[in-house]
């Protein structure tokens, strides 16, 4: 198995690049004697005036509803630091604002406050533009944001692949979703790691990950974050599979909750990616096929911990392959509609309830059917 073929999605489903919100104090009332209240109001006004100019400096990114809400001001003579919460949307993609904790540094010159720097608050994650110039490529169903060093040609190629992935995901998931996707392509693996707040080794060998919020309700669009090193090492078929897989996670996000088993969400995404593929189960699931041929037939459906990345890649590969083959079995034995219905119910109720209602079997019976299919398909 190509280790980049089926990357895990980030499961606490936090919005892409969303740092911990800075819990700053509210504005400090100051007495008129020391003028502190007036100075703080001037700082807040300077931040507000400056913030209206920032989207123009990020030309090409379709930003809207851009604003900074200042929660506190620290002043030291002619310098001040404002703790603020940035809110913005990507026009046409986000149904609710993205948020980020920021520090805005100001200096006082010629009797007026001027913004000198804007950076992530301590402990907060950076935005893509914090890492340098952003290049934008727009597709029919996709918006691709490239970090510093990414070429326009590469981004156009990714946008074209994402455009093909969207209808493929829609074919697998007939439920409602936006039918469009935001793809972020950092300048390097290290840049990706900084954006997502985890060590680079976490993502080494992965092609892409998806981030977002689980469940229904207003939320920023999910982001598919491409590992530029892993993605570049894939052949055309691998790139196709990786983007359909990740876009399917975007499509199913509103139906995915904490009750959805990971084997079902990951297996469903791979089912979408491999629909119509000529690869045999043994070809598409080589790690699991090797285990079965050694007599190591799994005794249960993959558990959540089996999908952990950063550990044993062979074990993670077997988990993803087993999840895909479970969903493939359900579609073949009970039908594609049953697989979709099971996914929808799994986000609302325990699997022990959904399985008998949709498939007419319990977990033990499904597991035994799956194990039998592994014996037949992976010999």
Protein backbone atom coordinates (compact mmCIF):
# COMPACT_ATOMS: atom_id res chain seq x y z
CA UNK A 1 0.00 0.00 0.00
CA UNK A 2 1.19 3.46 -0.75
CA UNK A 3 1.43 4.98 2.73
CA UNK A 4 -0.13 8.16 1.38
CA UNK A 5 -3.12 6.36 -0.08
CA UNK A 6 -5.55 6.66 2.77
CA UNK A 7 -4.60 9.31 5.30
CA UNK A 8 -6.53 9.57 8.54
CA UNK A 9 -8.65 12.61 8.96
CA UNK A 10 -8.09 14.74 12.02
CA UNK A 11 -10.60 13.62 14.49
CA UNK A 12 -11.17 16.08 16.94
CA UNK A 13 -12.97 17.86 14.08
CA UNK A 14 -11.84 21.38 14.81
CA UNK A 15 -12.05 24.00 12.05
CA UNK A 16 -8.91 24.19 9.87
CA UNK A 17 -6.08 26.15 11.47
CA UNK A 18 -8.39 27.23 14.35
CA UNK A 19 -6.21 28.07 17.33
CA UNK A 20 -7.32 28.26 20.92
CA UNK A 21 -9.24 31.47 21.39
CA UNK A 22 -7.42 33.99 23.49
CA UNK A 23 -9.31 34.52 26.72
CA UNK A 24 -8.28 38.10 27.23
CA UNK A 25 -9.81 40.46 29.70
CA UNK A 26 -12.35 43.02 28.64
CA UNK A 27 -11.37 46.66 28.27
CA UNK A 28 -10.12 48.18 31.53
CA UNK A 29 -12.09 51.21 32.59
CA UNK A 30 -9.68 54.04 33.24
CA UNK A 31 -10.24 57.28 35.03
CA UNK A 32 -10.03 60.46 33.01
CA UNK A 33 -7.10 61.66 35.13
CA UNK A 34 -4.49 59.36 33.58
CA UNK A 35 -5.95 59.33 30.06
CA UNK A 36 -5.62 55.55 29.85
CA UNK A 37 -9.21 55.11 28.71
CA UNK A 38 -8.72 57.58 25.90
CA UNK A 39 -5.47 55.90 24.79
CA UNK A 40 -7.11 52.48 24.75
CA UNK A 41 -9.99 53.80 22.67
CA UNK A 42 -7.46 55.25 20.24
CA UNK A 43 -5.69 51.88 19.97
CA UNK A 44 -8.96 50.07 19.34
CA UNK A 45 -9.90 52.60 16.70
CA UNK A 46 -6.51 52.25 15.03
CA UNK A 47 -6.92 48.47 14.86
CA UNK A 48 -10.41 48.82 13.40
CA UNK A 49 -9.25 51.31 10.77
CA UNK A 50 -6.26 49.16 9.84
CA UNK A 51 -8.30 45.95 9.65
CA UNK A 52 -10.38 47.37 6.80
CA UNK A 53 -7.25 47.55 4.64
CA UNK A 54 -5.95 44.01 5.25
CA UNK A 55 -8.13 42.07 2.74
CA UNK A 56 -6.78 44.31 0.00
CA UNK A 57 -3.25 43.27 0.95
CA UNK A 58 -4.27 39.61 0.57
CA UNK A 59 -5.47 40.14 -2.98
CA UNK A 60 -6.84 37.06 -4.71
CA UNK A 61 -8.19 35.37 -1.58
CA UNK A 62 -11.99 35.81 -1.62
CA UNK A 63 -12.24 37.16 1.93
CA UNK A 64 -15.39 38.68 3.33
CA UNK A 65 -16.69 39.78 6.76
CA UNK A 66 -13.12 40.47 7.89
CA UNK A 67 -12.91 41.99 11.37
CA UNK A 68 -10.78 42.13 14.52
CA UNK A 69 -12.52 42.20 17.91
CA UNK A 70 -10.09 43.62 20.47
CA UNK A 71 -10.48 42.02 23.90
CA UNK A 72 -7.66 43.79 25.78
CA UNK A 73 -4.87 46.31 25.32
CA UNK A 74 -1.43 46.33 26.96
CA UNK A 75 0.34 49.66 26.67
CA UNK A 76 3.97 50.47 27.40
CA UNK A 77 4.71 54.06 26.56
CA UNK A 78 4.66 54.53 22.79
CA UNK A 79 4.02 50.82 22.13
CA UNK A 80 0.86 48.77 22.63
CA UNK A 81 -0.26 45.21 22.03
CA UNK A 82 -3.92 44.47 21.38
CA UNK A 83 -5.24 40.94 21.98
CA UNK A 84 -7.87 40.37 19.32
CA UNK A 85 -10.08 37.76 17.75
CA UNK A 86 -9.99 37.72 13.96
CA UNK A 87 -13.14 36.67 12.13
CA UNK A 88 -13.51 36.18 8.39
CA UNK A 89 -15.16 34.00 5.76
CA UNK A 90 -14.08 32.69 2.39
CA UNK A 91 -16.80 34.05 0.17
CA UNK A 92 -18.83 31.30 -1.46
CA UNK A 93 -17.37 28.58 0.77
CA UNK A 94 -17.81 29.40 4.47
CA UNK A 95 -21.30 29.53 5.93
CA UNK A 96 -19.95 30.74 9.27
CA UNK A 97 -16.84 32.74 10.18
CA UNK A 98 -13.42 31.28 10.74
CA UNK A 99 -11.88 32.59 13.94
CA UNK A 100 -8.30 33.05 15.10
CA UNK A 101 -6.64 34.54 18.15
CA UNK A 102 -4.21 37.32 17.21
CA UNK A 103 -1.85 39.86 18.70
CA UNK A 104 -1.72 43.24 16.99
CA UNK A 105 1.30 45.38 17.86
CA UNK A 106 1.05 49.16 17.51
CA UNK A 107 3.45 52.09 17.83
CA UNK A 108 2.60 55.72 18.49
CA UNK A 109 4.06 58.11 15.94
CA UNK A 110 3.27 61.79 15.41
CA UNK A 111 0.46 61.60 17.93
CA UNK A 112 -1.32 58.63 16.29
CA UNK A 113 -1.28 54.87 16.74
CA UNK A 114 -0.06 52.79 13.79
CA UNK A 115 -0.19 48.98 13.42
CA UNK A 116 3.36 47.65 13.17
CA UNK A 117 2.74 43.88 13.28
CA UNK A 118 -0.02 41.29 13.31
CA UNK A 119 0.79 37.75 14.48
CA UNK A 120 -0.85 34.68 16.01
CA UNK A 121 -1.51 35.02 19.73
CA UNK A 122 0.71 32.87 21.99
CA UNK A 123 -0.38 29.26 21.58
CA UNK A 124 -2.57 30.02 18.55
CA UNK A 125 -2.05 28.52 15.12
CA UNK A 126 -0.94 30.64 12.17
CA UNK A 127 -2.93 31.41 9.06
CA UNK A 128 -1.54 30.42 5.68
CA UNK A 129 -0.64 34.04 4.89
CA UNK A 130 1.45 34.27 8.05
CA UNK A 131 3.90 32.00 6.22
CA UNK A 132 4.34 34.24 3.20
CA UNK A 133 2.54 35.14 -0.04
CA UNK A 134 -0.56 33.09 -0.93
CA UNK A 135 -1.32 32.02 -4.50
CA UNK A 136 -4.93 31.22 -5.43
CA UNK A 137 -6.30 28.84 -8.06
CA UNK A 138 -10.04 28.61 -8.61
CA UNK A 139 -11.84 25.62 -10.06
CA UNK A 140 -15.47 24.97 -10.89
CA UNK A 141 -16.07 23.26 -7.54
CA UNK A 142 -12.89 24.15 -5.68
CA UNK A 143 -10.77 26.93 -4.25
CA UNK A 144 -7.07 26.13 -3.84
CA UNK A 145 -4.86 28.27 -1.61
CA UNK A 146 -1.14 27.75 -2.04
CA UNK A 147 1.50 28.73 0.49
CA UNK A 148 4.82 30.40 -0.17
CA UNK A 149 6.80 28.57 -2.83
CA UNK A 150 3.87 26.78 -4.49
CA UNK A 151 3.67 27.33 -8.23
CA UNK A 152 0.49 28.44 -9.97
CA UNK A 153 0.77 25.43 -12.28
CA UNK A 154 0.79 22.96 -9.39
CA UNK A 155 -2.20 24.64 -7.81
CA UNK A 156 -4.16 24.57 -11.08
CA UNK A 157 -3.48 20.85 -11.37
CA UNK A 158 -4.75 20.27 -7.83
CA UNK A 159 -7.83 22.40 -8.54
CA UNK A 160 -8.60 20.29 -11.61
CA UNK A 161 -8.25 17.09 -9.58
CA UNK A 162 -10.44 18.52 -6.81
CA UNK A 163 -13.06 19.45 -9.42
CA UNK A 164 -13.16 15.82 -10.51
CA UNK A 165 -13.31 14.62 -6.91
CA UNK A 166 -16.42 16.65 -6.01
CA UNK A 167 -18.86 14.85 -8.37
CA UNK A 168 -17.29 11.52 -7.44
CA UNK A 169 -18.00 12.24 -3.77
CA UNK A 170 -21.53 13.36 -4.63
CA UNK A 171 -22.14 10.11 -6.50
CA UNK A 172 -21.20 8.14 -3.39
CA UNK A 173 -22.97 10.44 -0.93
CA UNK A 174 -26.42 11.57 -2.17
CA UNK A 175 -27.08 13.52 1.02
CA UNK A 176 -27.04 17.32 1.04
CA UNK A 177 -23.71 19.09 1.06
CA UNK A 178 -22.26 22.26 -0.47
CA UNK A 179 -20.69 20.53 -3.48
CA UNK A 180 -17.50 22.58 -3.26
CA UNK A 181 -14.23 22.30 -1.42
CA UNK A 182 -11.35 24.42 -0.12
CA UNK A 183 -7.90 22.89 -0.60
CA UNK A 184 -4.89 24.31 1.24
CA UNK A 185 -1.43 23.50 -0.11
CA UNK A 186 1.30 24.68 2.30
CA UNK A 187 4.75 25.43 1.00
CA UNK A 188 6.33 22.40 2.67
CA UNK A 189 5.70 19.55 5.10
CA UNK A 190 7.12 21.66 7.92
CA UNK A 191 4.79 24.52 6.99
CA UNK A 192 1.86 22.09 7.02
CA UNK A 193 2.84 20.91 10.48
CA UNK A 194 2.99 24.47 11.79
CA UNK A 195 -0.44 25.26 10.34
CA UNK A 196 -1.98 22.22 12.02
CA UNK A 197 0.00 22.43 15.25
CA UNK A 198 1.52 18.96 15.25
CA UNK A 199 5.00 17.57 14.60
CA UNK A 200 6.00 17.14 10.96
CA UNK A 201 6.49 13.40 11.47
CA UNK A 202 2.75 13.15 12.14
CA UNK A 203 2.06 13.85 8.48
CA UNK A 204 5.16 12.43 6.81
CA UNK A 205 4.07 9.93 4.18
CA UNK A 206 0.47 11.15 4.14
CA UNK A 207 -1.00 12.67 1.00
CA UNK A 208 -3.58 14.94 2.63
CA UNK A 209 -5.81 15.34 5.66
CA UNK A 210 -9.22 16.90 6.17
CA UNK A 211 -10.14 19.20 9.01
CA UNK A 212 -13.50 20.60 10.00
CA UNK A 213 -16.32 20.47 12.51
CA UNK A 214 -18.51 17.42 12.90
CA UNK A 215 -22.27 17.51 12.76
CA UNK A 216 -24.87 19.77 11.22
CA UNK A 217 -25.14 23.52 11.72
CA UNK A 218 -23.34 26.60 10.48
CA UNK A 219 -19.58 26.15 10.30
CA UNK A 220 -16.69 27.20 8.11
CA UNK A 221 -16.11 24.94 5.15
CA UNK A 222 -13.90 21.94 5.76
CA UNK A 223 -10.37 22.29 4.49
CA UNK A 224 -8.47 19.56 2.67
CA UNK A 225 -4.83 20.18 3.58
CA UNK A 226 -2.37 18.66 1.12
CA UNK A 227 1.05 17.43 2.22
CA UNK A 228 3.06 18.79 -0.73
CA UNK A 229 5.81 16.21 -0.28
CA UNK A 230 3.55 13.16 0.02
CA UNK A 231 1.19 14.30 -2.74
CA UNK A 232 4.06 14.99 -5.15
CA UNK A 233 5.25 11.40 -4.72
CA UNK A 234 1.95 9.92 -5.91
CA UNK A 235 1.12 8.77 -9.41
CA UNK A 236 -2.00 10.16 -11.08
CA UNK A 237 -4.21 7.35 -9.77
CA UNK A 238 -2.98 7.88 -6.22
CA UNK A 239 -3.73 11.60 -6.42
CA UNK A 240 -7.21 10.86 -7.72
CA UNK A 241 -7.89 8.43 -4.87
CA UNK A 242 -6.50 10.69 -2.18
CA UNK A 243 -8.62 13.70 -3.18
CA UNK A 244 -11.85 11.74 -3.63
CA UNK A 245 -11.28 10.21 -0.19
CA UNK A 246 -10.76 13.59 1.46
CA UNK A 247 -13.56 15.35 -0.43
CA UNK A 248 -15.92 12.54 0.62
CA UNK A 249 -15.10 13.40 4.23
CA UNK A 250 -16.14 16.97 3.42
CA UNK A 251 -19.38 15.75 1.80
CA UNK A 252 -20.35 13.54 4.74
CA UNK A 253 -19.29 15.97 7.48
CA UNK A 254 -22.80 17.05 8.51
CA UNK A 255 -23.80 13.40 8.96
CA UNK A 256 -20.63 12.51 10.87
CA UNK A 257 -20.67 12.75 14.66
CA UNK A 258 -18.89 11.27 17.64
CA UNK A 259 -21.12 8.19 17.37
CA UNK A 260 -19.96 7.40 13.81
CA UNK A 261 -17.45 4.52 14.00
CA UNK A 262 -14.13 5.43 12.46
CA UNK A 263 -14.10 2.25 10.40
CA UNK A 264 -17.35 3.38 8.79
CA UNK A 265 -16.27 6.96 8.05
CA UNK A 266 -12.87 5.95 6.69
CA UNK A 267 -14.20 2.91 4.88
CA UNK A 268 -16.97 4.95 3.28
CA UNK A 269 -14.47 7.54 2.01
CA UNK A 270 -12.36 4.79 0.48
CA UNK A 271 -15.44 3.14 -0.97
CA UNK A 272 -16.14 6.42 -2.80
CA UNK A 273 -12.52 6.66 -3.96
CA UNK A 274 -12.37 3.09 -5.29
CA UNK A 275 -15.78 2.92 -6.97
CA UNK A 276 -15.20 1.95 -10.57
CA UNK A 277 -11.58 1.01 -9.96
CA UNK A 278 -10.27 -2.08 -11.72
CA UNK A 279 -8.01 -2.98 -8.78
CA UNK A 280 -8.78 -6.26 -7.05
CA UNK A 281 -9.18 -6.30 -3.24
CA UNK A 282 -5.78 -7.94 -2.88
CA UNK A 283 -4.17 -5.26 -5.05
CA UNK A 284 -5.86 -2.38 -3.24
CA UNK A 285 -5.41 -3.88 0.25
CA UNK A 286 -1.90 -5.35 0.16
CA UNK A 287 -1.08 -4.98 3.86
CA UNK A 288 -4.22 -6.82 4.96
CA UNK A 289 -3.77 -9.40 2.21
CA UNK A 290 -0.28 -10.21 3.51
CA UNK A 291 -1.65 -10.63 7.02
CA UNK A 292 -4.48 -12.92 5.90
CA UNK A 293 -2.07 -15.07 3.91
CA UNK A 294 0.05 -15.42 7.06
CA UNK A 295 -3.04 -16.71 8.84
CA UNK A 296 -3.56 -13.45 10.76
CA UNK A 297 -7.24 -12.93 10.01
CA UNK A 298 -8.54 -10.02 12.14
CA UNK A 299 -11.04 -11.02 14.79
CA UNK A 300 -13.00 -7.76 14.84
CA UNK A 301 -13.73 -4.69 12.77
CA UNK A 302 -11.02 -2.01 13.06
CA UNK A 303 -11.11 -0.06 16.32
CA UNK A 304 -10.58 3.68 16.63
CA UNK A 305 -7.09 3.24 18.03
CA UNK A 306 -6.11 1.07 15.07
CA UNK A 307 -6.22 4.13 12.81
CA UNK A 308 -3.70 6.14 14.80
CA UNK A 309 -1.03 7.66 12.63
CA UNK A 310 2.50 8.30 13.72
CA UNK A 311 2.74 4.71 14.94
CA UNK A 312 3.07 1.40 13.06
CA UNK A 313 2.27 2.22 9.41
CA UNK A 314 1.58 -1.41 8.55
CA UNK A 315 -1.03 -1.69 11.32
CA UNK A 316 -2.68 1.56 10.24
CA UNK A 317 -2.72 0.34 6.64
CA UNK A 318 -4.50 -2.86 7.69
CA UNK A 319 -7.10 -0.80 9.56
CA UNK A 320 -7.88 1.40 6.56
CA UNK A 321 -7.95 -1.51 4.19
CA UNK A 322 -10.20 -3.50 6.49
CA UNK A 323 -12.57 -0.55 6.83
CA UNK A 324 -12.77 -0.18 3.07
CA UNK A 325 -13.47 -3.89 2.60
CA UNK A 326 -16.21 -3.75 5.25
CA UNK A 327 -17.97 -0.95 3.38
CA UNK A 328 -17.37 -2.71 0.08
CA UNK A 329 -19.04 -5.81 1.53
CA UNK A 330 -22.05 -3.85 2.79
CA UNK A 331 -22.53 -2.22 -0.62
CA UNK A 332 -22.21 -5.56 -2.43
CA UNK A 333 -24.39 -7.63 -0.08
CA UNK A 334 -27.04 -5.13 1.02
CA UNK A 335 -26.74 -2.38 -1.58
CA UNK A 336 -25.27 1.11 -1.94
CA UNK A 337 -28.40 2.69 -0.46
CA UNK A 338 -28.09 0.53 2.64
CA UNK A 339 -24.50 1.70 3.10
CA UNK A 340 -25.58 5.35 2.85
CA UNK A 341 -28.52 4.77 5.20
CA UNK A 342 -26.27 3.04 7.73
CA UNK A 343 -23.84 5.95 7.63
CA UNK A 344 -26.63 8.44 8.25
CA UNK A 345 -28.05 6.46 11.15
CA UNK A 346 -24.61 5.87 12.66
CA UNK A 347 -24.25 9.62 13.16
CA UNK A 348 -27.52 9.76 15.12
CA UNK A 349 -27.62 6.54 17.12
CA UNK A 350 -25.40 3.66 18.27
CA UNK A 351 -24.31 1.21 15.61
CA UNK A 352 -25.94 -1.58 17.61
CA UNK A 353 -29.28 0.08 16.77
CA UNK A 354 -28.53 0.99 13.17
CA UNK A 355 -27.17 -2.37 12.02
CA UNK A 356 -30.33 -4.45 12.69
CA UNK A 357 -32.56 -1.65 11.38
CA UNK A 358 -30.70 -1.23 8.09
CA UNK A 359 -28.94 -4.54 7.42
CA UNK A 360 -30.92 -6.95 9.57
CA UNK A 361 -27.78 -8.20 11.32
CA UNK A 362 -25.95 -7.38 14.54
CA UNK A 363 -22.28 -6.48 14.94
CA UNK A 364 -21.19 -10.11 15.44
CA UNK A 365 -22.98 -11.23 12.26
CA UNK A 366 -21.53 -8.34 10.23
CA UNK A 367 -18.07 -9.10 11.58
CA UNK A 368 -18.31 -12.75 10.63
CA UNK A 369 -19.53 -11.88 7.13
CA UNK A 370 -16.62 -9.46 6.79
CA UNK A 371 -14.07 -12.02 7.98
CA UNK A 372 -15.44 -14.55 5.49
CA UNK A 373 -15.13 -12.00 2.69
CA UNK A 374 -11.50 -11.40 3.68
CA UNK A 375 -10.80 -15.12 3.43
CA UNK A 376 -12.29 -15.22 -0.08
CA UNK A 377 -11.05 -11.91 -1.47
CA UNK A 378 -7.50 -11.78 -0.07
CA UNK A 379 -6.30 -15.33 -0.67
